[in-house]
Amino acid sequence: MRITSYIEALDRQQLQMDGLLVLQQGRQIGAHRWTPDTHRNVYSVSKSFTSIAVGMAIGEGKLALTDRVLDAFGDRVPNPAPRLSALTLEHLLTMSRGYPQFTRPRTVAEVLAQPLRYDPGTVFVYDNASTFLASALLTKATGQTLRAFLVERLFSNLGIPDPVWAESEDGFTLGATGLELSTEELGVFGQFLLQRGNWQGTQLVAAQWIDGATRTQIPTLNPRFKDSLAPDYDLGYGYQFWICRHGAYRCDGKAGQFVVVLPRQEAVVAITAHEVRMKPILSLLWEHILPQL
C-alpha cells in the first residue's frame, strides 16, 4: 500500500500527527511515524475499552443492560428524582443519560447529583460522566476496578502489559479517558474488534456484543448543530463507539486518536496525533486510504 498521498495531505494541512498504522487481513500493510511511538493518553478511545469490559461482564452474568444505576448506588441518593430512578446501564452506554452538557466528574456522588433534564434514553449528549458511571457500576458488580478487570480478561491476552489508566478521586477507573496506549497497541485492539472479539482462537467477548456495540443504538444528528459536524458524527452512536461512513465504525479520542475498523475491507487504521482539528484526519483517510483497500 502507498500511504504517501495521505501523509502528504495531512502535512499540507499542517496537522500535528504522531503515528499511523494500517492493517488488512491481520497484516500490516502501511505505517508511518512523525514522532516516536510512546504510551500516551488516548482520551475518549478509552470509552470503547469500557464498552468491551461491560460486554464481558454481561457475558459472565455480572451485569445486564437493564441494570439500574440506583440499584448499585441508591444509598447515595436518599430522595431520587424519577429520571434518575429510571437510569440504566444501557442509557449510560448510549450517552442518553439525560444531563444536557459535557462534564468531567471527579466522583460518583458528583454525577448522581447532576439533575437530569431529559428522560433517559431519549436524547444523545456526549458526556464523560456516563462512561465513568458505567465503570463504577462494573466495579460494584465485579469487585474489581475496570482496569483490573480488563488486565485479566483483555490486556493480558492482547499482549498489552498492565497499562496505566487514571482513577477518580473515589477510586474508580475513569473509563471515559485516561487510558495510556501506543499506536501499535491501538492497532492490536482494532484487529481484536475486526475479529468480533476473537483473539488467537479464544472468544474474549461475545461476537454479538461487538455487533451491537458498533451499530447505531441512538441517533446523533441534531439539526441545530448540523453545520458544525462532519458526516462521520451524524450517523449514530453505539455502545461507546461512533458509526462512520463506508460501513465502518471507530473509537475516537481528543486530539486525533482514532481506531477505525472497516469490516467490508477487513482493515483497521490506528492513528495517534496531538491535533485539535480532528475531522480532516478522517475525511482525508476516506480520500486517500480507503480506495486502496
Protein backbone atom coordinates (compact mmCIF):
# COMPACT_ATOMS: atom_id res chain seq x y z
CA MET A 1 0.00 0.00 0.00
CA ARG A 2 1.15 3.53 -0.81
CA ILE A 3 0.25 5.83 2.07
CA THR A 4 2.40 8.70 0.81
CA SER A 5 -0.53 10.70 -0.54
CA TYR A 6 -2.32 10.52 2.84
CA ILE A 7 0.81 11.59 4.70
CA GLU A 8 1.37 14.46 2.28
CA ALA A 9 -2.26 15.58 2.58
CA LEU A 10 -2.03 15.61 6.37
CA ASP A 11 1.24 17.54 6.24
CA ARG A 12 -0.16 20.08 3.74
CA GLN A 13 -2.85 20.96 6.26
CA GLN A 14 -0.16 21.15 8.96
CA LEU A 15 -1.97 18.60 11.09
CA GLN A 16 0.10 17.61 14.11
CA MET A 17 0.35 13.86 13.67
CA ASP A 18 2.22 11.24 15.71
CA GLY A 19 1.67 7.82 14.15
CA LEU A 20 -0.29 5.84 11.56
CA LEU A 21 -0.79 2.09 11.21
CA VAL A 22 -2.85 0.28 8.56
CA LEU A 23 -3.72 -3.41 8.86
CA GLN A 24 -5.58 -5.62 6.41
CA GLN A 25 -6.48 -9.27 6.95
CA GLY A 26 -4.37 -9.15 10.11
CA ARG A 27 -1.23 -7.98 8.31
CA GLN A 28 0.44 -4.59 8.49
CA ILE A 29 0.28 -3.01 5.03
CA GLY A 30 1.26 0.55 5.88
CA ALA A 31 2.82 2.58 8.68
CA HIS A 32 4.35 5.97 9.28
CA ARG A 33 5.71 7.86 12.26
CA TRP A 34 6.05 11.56 12.82
CA THR A 35 7.15 11.11 16.46
CA PRO A 36 8.41 8.05 18.40
CA ASP A 37 5.68 5.57 19.39
CA THR A 38 5.13 6.03 23.11
CA HIS A 39 2.31 5.45 25.54
CA ARG A 40 0.00 8.42 25.76
CA ASN A 41 -3.47 9.27 26.96
CA VAL A 42 -5.78 8.09 24.17
CA TYR A 43 -8.59 10.16 25.69
CA SER A 44 -12.05 9.01 24.60
CA VAL A 45 -10.77 5.94 22.79
CA SER A 46 -10.83 4.71 26.41
CA LYS A 47 -14.62 4.63 26.20
CA SER A 48 -14.59 1.77 23.70
CA PHE A 49 -12.47 -0.32 26.07
CA THR A 50 -15.09 0.35 28.75
CA SER A 51 -17.72 -1.00 26.37
CA ILE A 52 -15.76 -4.22 25.92
CA ALA A 53 -15.46 -4.62 29.70
CA VAL A 54 -19.21 -4.21 30.08
CA GLY A 55 -19.80 -6.80 27.36
CA MET A 56 -17.52 -9.23 29.16
CA ALA A 57 -19.26 -8.66 32.49
CA ILE A 58 -22.64 -9.20 30.82
CA GLY A 59 -21.32 -12.44 29.34
CA GLU A 60 -20.29 -13.55 32.81
CA GLY A 61 -23.76 -12.78 34.17
CA LYS A 62 -22.49 -9.99 36.41
CA LEU A 63 -24.19 -7.11 34.60
CA ALA A 64 -27.19 -6.51 32.34
CA LEU A 65 -28.09 -3.59 30.11
CA THR A 66 -31.26 -3.15 32.15
CA ASP A 67 -29.39 -2.78 35.47
CA ARG A 68 -30.49 0.41 37.19
CA VAL A 69 -27.87 2.82 38.48
CA LEU A 70 -29.68 3.29 41.78
CA ASP A 71 -29.68 -0.45 42.46
CA ALA A 72 -25.92 -0.03 42.89
CA PHE A 73 -25.76 3.50 44.32
CA GLY A 74 -29.18 4.13 45.82
CA ASP A 75 -27.70 4.59 49.27
CA ARG A 76 -26.03 7.78 47.98
CA VAL A 77 -29.30 9.37 46.80
CA PRO A 78 -31.90 9.45 49.60
CA ASN A 79 -34.72 11.03 47.52
CA PRO A 80 -34.03 10.30 43.85
CA ALA A 81 -35.93 12.08 41.10
CA PRO A 82 -37.95 9.85 38.73
CA ARG A 83 -35.49 10.29 35.86
CA LEU A 84 -32.55 9.18 37.97
CA SER A 85 -34.59 6.23 39.24
CA ALA A 86 -35.15 5.13 35.63
CA LEU A 87 -31.50 5.41 34.60
CA THR A 88 -29.95 2.13 33.36
CA LEU A 89 -26.59 0.88 32.17
CA GLU A 90 -27.79 0.98 28.56
CA HIS A 91 -28.58 4.68 28.87
CA LEU A 92 -25.02 5.27 30.05
CA LEU A 93 -23.51 3.35 27.15
CA THR A 94 -25.57 5.29 24.58
CA MET A 95 -24.82 8.70 26.09
CA SER A 96 -28.53 9.26 26.73
CA ARG A 97 -28.41 9.76 30.49
CA GLY A 98 -30.45 12.95 30.25
CA TYR A 99 -27.93 15.50 31.51
CA PRO A 100 -27.70 18.36 28.96
CA GLN A 101 -23.96 19.01 28.78
CA PHE A 102 -20.48 17.50 28.77
CA THR A 103 -18.81 17.09 32.17
CA ARG A 104 -15.66 15.61 33.68
CA PRO A 105 -16.80 14.38 37.09
CA ARG A 106 -14.39 13.69 39.92
CA THR A 107 -16.62 11.31 41.91
CA VAL A 108 -19.74 9.16 41.55
CA ALA A 109 -21.51 11.43 44.02
CA GLU A 110 -20.91 14.37 41.71
CA VAL A 111 -22.55 12.51 38.79
CA LEU A 112 -25.54 11.40 40.83
CA ALA A 113 -26.12 14.98 41.98
CA GLN A 114 -26.47 16.28 38.41
CA PRO A 115 -30.17 17.00 37.65
CA LEU A 116 -31.38 15.17 34.54
CA ARG A 117 -33.23 17.41 32.09
CA TYR A 118 -34.37 14.70 29.66
CA ASP A 119 -35.92 11.29 30.14
CA PRO A 120 -33.13 8.68 29.96
CA GLY A 121 -32.82 7.09 26.55
CA THR A 122 -34.34 9.97 24.59
CA VAL A 123 -31.56 12.48 23.82
CA PHE A 124 -27.90 11.88 22.87
CA VAL A 125 -25.50 14.14 24.77
CA TYR A 126 -21.84 13.17 24.62
CA ASP A 127 -20.51 13.19 28.20
CA ASN A 128 -17.64 11.62 30.15
CA ALA A 129 -19.90 11.22 33.18
CA SER A 130 -21.98 8.49 31.55
CA THR A 131 -18.95 6.31 30.82
CA PHE A 132 -17.47 6.98 34.24
CA LEU A 133 -20.71 5.86 35.88
CA ALA A 134 -20.69 2.68 33.74
CA SER A 135 -17.17 1.99 35.02
CA ALA A 136 -18.36 2.43 38.60
CA LEU A 137 -21.30 0.07 38.00
CA LEU A 138 -18.91 -2.57 36.70
CA THR A 139 -16.77 -2.23 39.81
CA LYS A 140 -19.79 -2.58 42.08
CA ALA A 141 -20.86 -5.71 40.18
CA THR A 142 -17.47 -7.43 39.91
CA GLY A 143 -15.48 -6.17 42.89
CA GLN A 144 -12.67 -5.06 40.55
CA THR A 145 -11.78 -1.73 39.03
CA LEU A 146 -12.38 -1.55 35.31
CA ARG A 147 -8.64 -1.51 34.68
CA ALA A 148 -8.00 -4.62 36.81
CA PHE A 149 -10.96 -6.38 35.20
CA LEU A 150 -9.55 -5.77 31.70
CA VAL A 151 -5.96 -6.59 32.64
CA GLU A 152 -7.11 -10.14 33.40
CA ARG A 153 -9.52 -10.58 30.51
CA LEU A 154 -8.32 -8.39 27.64
CA PHE A 155 -4.98 -6.63 28.01
CA SER A 156 -3.03 -9.73 29.02
CA ASN A 157 -4.43 -11.64 26.05
CA LEU A 158 -3.65 -8.85 23.58
CA GLY A 159 -0.06 -8.53 24.84
CA ILE A 160 -0.63 -5.10 26.37
CA PRO A 161 1.22 -5.21 29.71
CA ASP A 162 -0.60 -3.60 32.64
CA PRO A 163 -1.44 -0.21 31.10
CA VAL A 164 -1.84 2.99 33.06
CA TRP A 165 -5.47 4.10 33.43
CA ALA A 166 -6.29 7.08 35.63
CA GLU A 167 -8.72 6.82 38.56
CA SER A 168 -11.28 9.17 40.06
CA GLU A 169 -10.96 10.72 43.49
CA ASP A 170 -13.22 7.97 44.88
CA GLY A 171 -11.16 5.11 43.40
CA PHE A 172 -12.95 4.13 40.20
CA THR A 173 -11.22 3.80 36.82
CA LEU A 174 -12.23 6.88 34.84
CA GLY A 175 -13.48 4.75 31.95
CA ALA A 176 -14.12 7.73 29.70
CA THR A 177 -10.50 8.84 29.35
CA GLY A 178 -7.06 8.41 30.88
CA LEU A 179 -6.00 5.08 29.33
CA GLU A 180 -2.41 5.22 28.05
CA LEU A 181 -1.53 3.19 24.95
CA SER A 182 0.73 3.31 21.90
CA THR A 183 -0.30 3.47 18.24
CA GLU A 184 0.71 -0.16 17.81
CA GLU A 185 -1.47 -1.21 20.76
CA LEU A 186 -4.42 0.66 19.29
CA GLY A 187 -3.88 -1.33 16.12
CA VAL A 188 -3.99 -4.58 18.10
CA PHE A 189 -7.26 -3.50 19.70
CA GLY A 190 -8.67 -2.67 16.29
CA GLN A 191 -7.77 -6.12 14.99
CA PHE A 192 -9.50 -7.66 18.01
CA LEU A 193 -12.61 -5.64 17.16
CA LEU A 194 -12.43 -6.61 13.49
CA GLN A 195 -12.31 -10.27 14.56
CA ARG A 196 -15.52 -9.67 16.55
CA GLY A 197 -13.92 -10.35 19.92
CA ASN A 198 -11.96 -13.44 18.94
CA TRP A 199 -8.24 -13.49 19.69
CA GLN A 200 -5.97 -16.38 18.75
CA GLY A 201 -8.91 -18.76 18.71
CA THR A 202 -10.43 -17.64 22.01
CA GLN A 203 -13.66 -15.65 22.14
CA LEU A 204 -12.83 -12.98 24.72
CA VAL A 205 -16.18 -11.18 24.42
CA ALA A 206 -19.31 -12.31 22.60
CA ALA A 207 -19.33 -11.52 18.89
CA GLN A 208 -22.92 -10.39 19.34
CA TRP A 209 -21.72 -7.74 21.79
CA ILE A 210 -19.26 -6.34 19.25
CA ASP A 211 -22.00 -6.34 16.61
CA GLY A 212 -24.45 -4.49 18.86
CA ALA A 213 -21.93 -2.07 20.30
CA THR A 214 -20.74 -0.98 16.85
CA ARG A 215 -24.08 -0.31 15.19
CA THR A 216 -26.36 2.67 15.76
CA GLN A 217 -28.18 2.43 19.08
CA ILE A 218 -29.15 6.11 19.24
CA PRO A 219 -29.23 8.88 16.59
CA THR A 220 -26.69 11.66 16.96
CA LEU A 221 -27.85 14.09 14.26
CA ASN A 222 -29.01 17.34 15.82
CA PRO A 223 -30.28 19.86 13.23
CA ARG A 224 -29.15 22.76 15.41
CA PHE A 225 -25.51 21.68 15.04
CA LYS A 226 -25.58 20.29 11.51
CA ASP A 227 -23.27 22.98 10.14
CA SER A 228 -20.56 22.21 12.67
CA LEU A 229 -20.47 18.43 12.35
CA ALA A 230 -18.87 16.23 9.73
CA PRO A 231 -20.85 13.31 8.28
CA ASP A 232 -18.98 10.83 10.44
CA TYR A 233 -20.54 12.39 13.53
CA ASP A 234 -24.10 12.35 12.16
CA LEU A 235 -24.53 8.61 11.63
CA GLY A 236 -25.32 7.46 15.14
CA TYR A 237 -23.66 6.10 18.24
CA GLY A 238 -23.49 2.53 19.53
CA TYR A 239 -22.30 1.41 22.94
CA GLN A 240 -19.30 3.76 23.23
CA PHE A 241 -18.46 3.54 19.52
CA TRP A 242 -19.08 6.03 16.71
CA ILE A 243 -20.61 4.91 13.43
CA CYS A 244 -18.79 6.04 10.26
CA ARG A 245 -19.43 6.20 6.57
CA HIS A 246 -18.44 3.31 4.28
CA GLY A 247 -19.76 0.66 6.67
CA ALA A 248 -17.05 1.48 9.18
CA TYR A 249 -17.05 2.35 12.87
CA ARG A 250 -14.48 3.91 15.15
CA CYS A 251 -13.06 4.65 18.58
CA ASP A 252 -12.49 8.39 18.73
CA GLY A 253 -10.39 10.40 21.19
CA LYS A 254 -9.48 14.05 21.67
CA ALA A 255 -6.51 15.47 19.77
CA GLY A 256 -6.72 12.95 16.95
CA GLN A 257 -6.71 9.47 18.48
CA PHE A 258 -8.56 7.01 16.24
CA VAL A 259 -9.15 3.32 15.74
CA VAL A 260 -11.13 2.96 12.51
CA VAL A 261 -12.47 -0.52 11.75
CA LEU A 262 -13.58 -1.29 8.19
CA PRO A 263 -15.24 -4.72 8.18
CA ARG A 264 -16.01 -4.73 4.44
CA GLN A 265 -12.32 -4.27 3.65
CA GLU A 266 -11.12 -6.44 6.57
CA ALA A 267 -8.99 -3.48 7.59
CA VAL A 268 -8.03 -1.39 10.62
CA VAL A 269 -6.46 2.06 10.73
CA ALA A 270 -4.92 3.24 14.01
CA ILE A 271 -3.95 6.90 14.34
CA THR A 272 -2.40 8.98 17.10
CA ALA A 273 -1.90 12.73 16.99
CA HIS A 274 -1.87 15.92 19.04
CA GLU A 275 -4.19 17.92 16.81
CA VAL A 276 -7.37 19.79 17.71
CA ARG A 277 -8.59 19.67 14.09
CA MET A 278 -9.73 16.06 14.09
CA LYS A 279 -12.29 15.95 11.27
CA PRO A 280 -9.78 16.39 8.39
CA ILE A 281 -7.84 13.37 9.64
CA LEU A 282 -10.91 11.21 8.99
CA SER A 283 -12.03 12.85 5.76
CA LEU A 284 -8.54 12.54 4.26
CA LEU A 285 -8.46 8.88 5.31
CA TRP A 286 -11.55 8.18 3.18
CA GLU A 287 -9.98 10.04 0.29
CA HIS A 288 -6.50 8.53 0.33
CA ILE A 289 -6.55 5.21 2.24
CA LEU A 290 -9.98 3.69 1.57
CA PRO A 291 -9.59 3.46 -2.25
CA GLN A 292 -6.50 1.30 -1.79
CA LEU A 293 -8.14 -1.28 0.49
